[in-house]
Amino acid sequence: LNNTTQIGRIASGNRDLSSALVKFQHDHQQLERALRNARAEVNQAYADVERARTNLSRSENSLETKQTALKEDRKDLEQIDRCFKELEAVYHVVKTEKTQFFNQ
């Protein structure tokens, strides 16, 4: 009876250990899967950040190009404005001389 009880306890302990081992293996697989998924998400996040950096750099370059073009346009407009003022001054001189010529 004593041996039978011990054998029963050992068998029960073995079943408990076997169940615990199966649960441990299952948990371990789940953790490995979760780790792989987390690594994939981190890698995706890095890729997204790099893509965003590239897009930002392109946008900055585009903005600098546009700012340069605006500065050039502003210079052109200032030159056109100066020319217009000079033409206006010449017009007034011609108009005054014409008036004086016909009034003589």
C-alpha atoms as a PDB file:
ATOM      1  CA  LEU A   1       0.000   0.000   0.000  1.00  0.00           C
ATOM      2  CA  ASN A   2       2.807   2.412   0.859  1.00  0.00           C
ATOM      3  CA  ASN A   3       4.573   1.768  -2.446  1.00  0.00           C
ATOM      4  CA  THR A   4       1.312   2.115  -4.312  1.00  0.00           C
ATOM      5  CA  THR A   5       0.662   5.452  -2.630  1.00  0.00           C
ATOM      6  CA  GLN A   6       4.154   6.664  -3.460  1.00  0.00           C
ATOM      7  CA  ILE A   7       3.805   5.497  -7.060  1.00  0.00           C
ATOM      8  CA  GLY A   8       0.449   7.273  -7.258  1.00  0.00           C
ATOM      9  CA  ARG A   9       1.979  10.465  -5.891  1.00  0.00           C
ATOM     10  CA  ILE A  10       4.920  10.214  -8.275  1.00  0.00           C
ATOM     11  CA  ALA A  11       2.554   9.607 -11.201  1.00  0.00           C
ATOM     12  CA  SER A  12       0.415  12.552 -10.135  1.00  0.00           C
ATOM     13  CA  GLY A  13       3.556  14.695  -9.776  1.00  0.00           C
ATOM     14  CA  ASN A  14       4.688  13.584 -13.216  1.00  0.00           C
ATOM     15  CA  ARG A  15       1.307  14.537 -14.679  1.00  0.00           C
ATOM     16  CA  ASP A  16       1.518  17.920 -12.931  1.00  0.00           C
ATOM     17  CA  LEU A  17       5.056  18.445 -14.249  1.00  0.00           C
ATOM     18  CA  SER A  18       4.007  17.322 -17.699  1.00  0.00           C
ATOM     19  CA  SER A  19       1.048  19.756 -17.654  1.00  0.00           C
ATOM     20  CA  ALA A  20       3.290  22.531 -16.373  1.00  0.00           C
ATOM     21  CA  LEU A  21       5.833  21.787 -19.116  1.00  0.00           C
ATOM     22  CA  VAL A  22       3.129  21.878 -21.819  1.00  0.00           C
ATOM     23  CA  LYS A  23       1.810  25.162 -20.389  1.00  0.00           C
ATOM     24  CA  PHE A  24       5.361  26.552 -20.211  1.00  0.00           C
ATOM     25  CA  GLN A  25       6.039  25.553 -23.836  1.00  0.00           C
ATOM     26  CA  HIS A  26       2.742  27.112 -24.925  1.00  0.00           C
ATOM     27  CA  ASP A  27       3.482  30.329 -22.999  1.00  0.00           C
ATOM     28  CA  HIS A  28       7.022  30.355 -24.410  1.00  0.00           C
ATOM     29  CA  GLN A  29       5.675  30.061 -27.974  1.00  0.00           C
ATOM     30  CA  GLN A  30       3.224  32.895 -27.312  1.00  0.00           C
ATOM     31  CA  LEU A  31       6.024  35.064 -25.940  1.00  0.00           C
ATOM     32  CA  GLU A  32       8.234  34.289 -28.944  1.00  0.00           C
ATOM     33  CA  ARG A  33       5.362  35.198 -31.266  1.00  0.00           C
ATOM     34  CA  ALA A  34       4.716  38.413 -29.335  1.00  0.00           C
ATOM     35  CA  LEU A  35       8.434  39.278 -29.499  1.00  0.00           C
ATOM     36  CA  ARG A  36       8.545  38.674 -33.269  1.00  0.00           C
ATOM     37  CA  ASN A  37       5.455  40.855 -33.704  1.00  0.00           C
ATOM     38  CA  ALA A  38       6.954  43.580 -31.512  1.00  0.00           C
ATOM     39  CA  ARG A  39      10.208  43.468 -33.512  1.00  0.00           C
ATOM     40  CA  ALA A  40       8.252  43.726 -36.746  1.00  0.00           C
ATOM     41  CA  GLU A  41       6.323  46.723 -35.372  1.00  0.00           C
ATOM     42  CA  VAL A  42       9.548  48.412 -34.245  1.00  0.00           C
ATOM     43  CA  ASN A  43      11.122  47.796 -37.659  1.00  0.00           C
ATOM     44  CA  GLN A  44       8.013  49.205 -39.326  1.00  0.00           C
ATOM     45  CA  ALA A  45       8.148  52.238 -37.033  1.00  0.00           C
ATOM     46  CA  TYR A  46      11.807  52.807 -37.968  1.00  0.00           C
ATOM     47  CA  ALA A  47      10.904  52.543 -41.656  1.00  0.00           C
ATOM     48  CA  ASP A  48       8.024  55.005 -41.153  1.00  0.00           C
ATOM     49  CA  VAL A  49      10.348  57.448 -39.375  1.00  0.00           C
ATOM     50  CA  GLU A  50      12.940  57.186 -42.174  1.00  0.00           C
ATOM     51  CA  ARG A  51      10.214  57.743 -44.771  1.00  0.00           C
ATOM     52  CA  ALA A  52       8.977  60.766 -42.834  1.00  0.00           C
ATOM     53  CA  ARG A  53      12.543  62.142 -42.602  1.00  0.00           C
ATOM     54  CA  THR A  54      13.006  61.701 -46.334  1.00  0.00           C
ATOM     55  CA  ASN A  55       9.686  63.422 -47.053  1.00  0.00           C
ATOM     56  CA  LEU A  56      10.555  66.242 -44.657  1.00  0.00           C
ATOM     57  CA  SER A  57      13.927  66.707 -46.325  1.00  0.00           C
ATOM     58  CA  ARG A  58      12.245  66.821 -49.747  1.00  0.00           C
ATOM     59  CA  SER A  59       9.703  69.314 -48.441  1.00  0.00           C
ATOM     60  CA  GLU A  60      12.449  71.475 -46.959  1.00  0.00           C
ATOM     61  CA  ASN A  61      14.358  71.395 -50.250  1.00  0.00           C
ATOM     62  CA  SER A  62      11.188  72.262 -52.130  1.00  0.00           C
ATOM     63  CA  LEU A  63      10.475  75.092 -49.702  1.00  0.00           C
ATOM     64  CA  GLU A  64      14.010  76.456 -50.110  1.00  0.00           C
ATOM     65  CA  THR A  65      13.625  76.305 -53.887  1.00  0.00           C
ATOM     66  CA  LYS A  66      10.303  78.130 -53.681  1.00  0.00           C
ATOM     67  CA  GLN A  67      11.765  80.743 -51.318  1.00  0.00           C
ATOM     68  CA  THR A  68      14.642  81.329 -53.735  1.00  0.00           C
ATOM     69  CA  ALA A  69      12.173  81.667 -56.624  1.00  0.00           C
ATOM     70  CA  LEU A  70      10.092  84.123 -54.575  1.00  0.00           C
ATOM     71  CA  LYS A  71      13.181  86.215 -53.813  1.00  0.00           C
ATOM     72  CA  GLU A  72      14.022  86.277 -57.515  1.00  0.00           C
ATOM     73  CA  ASP A  73      10.425  87.199 -58.368  1.00  0.00           C
ATOM     74  CA  ARG A  74      10.524  89.972 -55.767  1.00  0.00           C
ATOM     75  CA  LYS A  75      13.745  91.341 -57.320  1.00  0.00           C
ATOM     76  CA  ASP A  76      12.131  91.196 -60.768  1.00  0.00           C
ATOM     77  CA  LEU A  77       9.055  93.027 -59.485  1.00  0.00           C
ATOM     78  CA  GLU A  78      11.221  95.678 -57.853  1.00  0.00           C
ATOM     79  CA  GLN A  79      13.083  96.128 -61.158  1.00  0.00           C
ATOM     80  CA  ILE A  80       9.777  96.372 -63.051  1.00  0.00           C
ATOM     81  CA  ASP A  81       8.539  98.921 -60.498  1.00  0.00           C
ATOM     82  CA  ARG A  82      11.701 101.028 -60.958  1.00  0.00           C
ATOM     83  CA  CYS A  83      11.312 100.850 -64.739  1.00  0.00           C
ATOM     84  CA  PHE A  84       7.661 101.844 -64.464  1.00  0.00           C
ATOM     85  CA  LYS A  85       8.584 104.838 -62.280  1.00  0.00           C
ATOM     86  CA  GLU A  86      11.262 105.861 -64.770  1.00  0.00           C
ATOM     87  CA  LEU A  87       8.767 105.567 -67.637  1.00  0.00           C
ATOM     88  CA  GLU A  88       6.268 107.612 -65.658  1.00  0.00           C
ATOM     89  CA  ALA A  89       8.879 110.314 -65.083  1.00  0.00           C
ATOM     90  CA  VAL A  90       9.780 110.315 -68.791  1.00  0.00           C
ATOM     91  CA  TYR A  91       6.065 110.513 -69.659  1.00  0.00           C
ATOM     92  CA  HIS A  92       5.624 113.587 -67.448  1.00  0.00           C
ATOM     93  CA  VAL A  93       8.702 115.247 -68.973  1.00  0.00           C
ATOM     94  CA  VAL A  94       7.441 114.545 -72.504  1.00  0.00           C
ATOM     95  CA  LYS A  95       3.943 115.723 -71.589  1.00  0.00           C
ATOM     96  CA  THR A  96       5.305 118.933 -70.059  1.00  0.00           C
ATOM     97  CA  GLU A  97       7.549 119.599 -73.072  1.00  0.00           C
ATOM     98  CA  LYS A  98       4.689 118.884 -75.456  1.00  0.00           C
ATOM     99  CA  THR A  99       2.436 121.291 -73.574  1.00  0.00           C
ATOM    100  CA  GLN A 100       5.135 123.970 -73.575  1.00  0.00           C
ATOM    101  CA  PHE A 101       5.838 123.409 -77.267  1.00  0.00           C
ATOM    102  CA  PHE A 102       2.203 123.802 -78.265  1.00  0.00           C
ATOM    103  CA  ASN A 103       1.704 126.781 -75.973  1.00  0.00           C
ATOM    104  CA  GLN A 104       4.486 128.735 -77.641  1.00  0.00           C
END
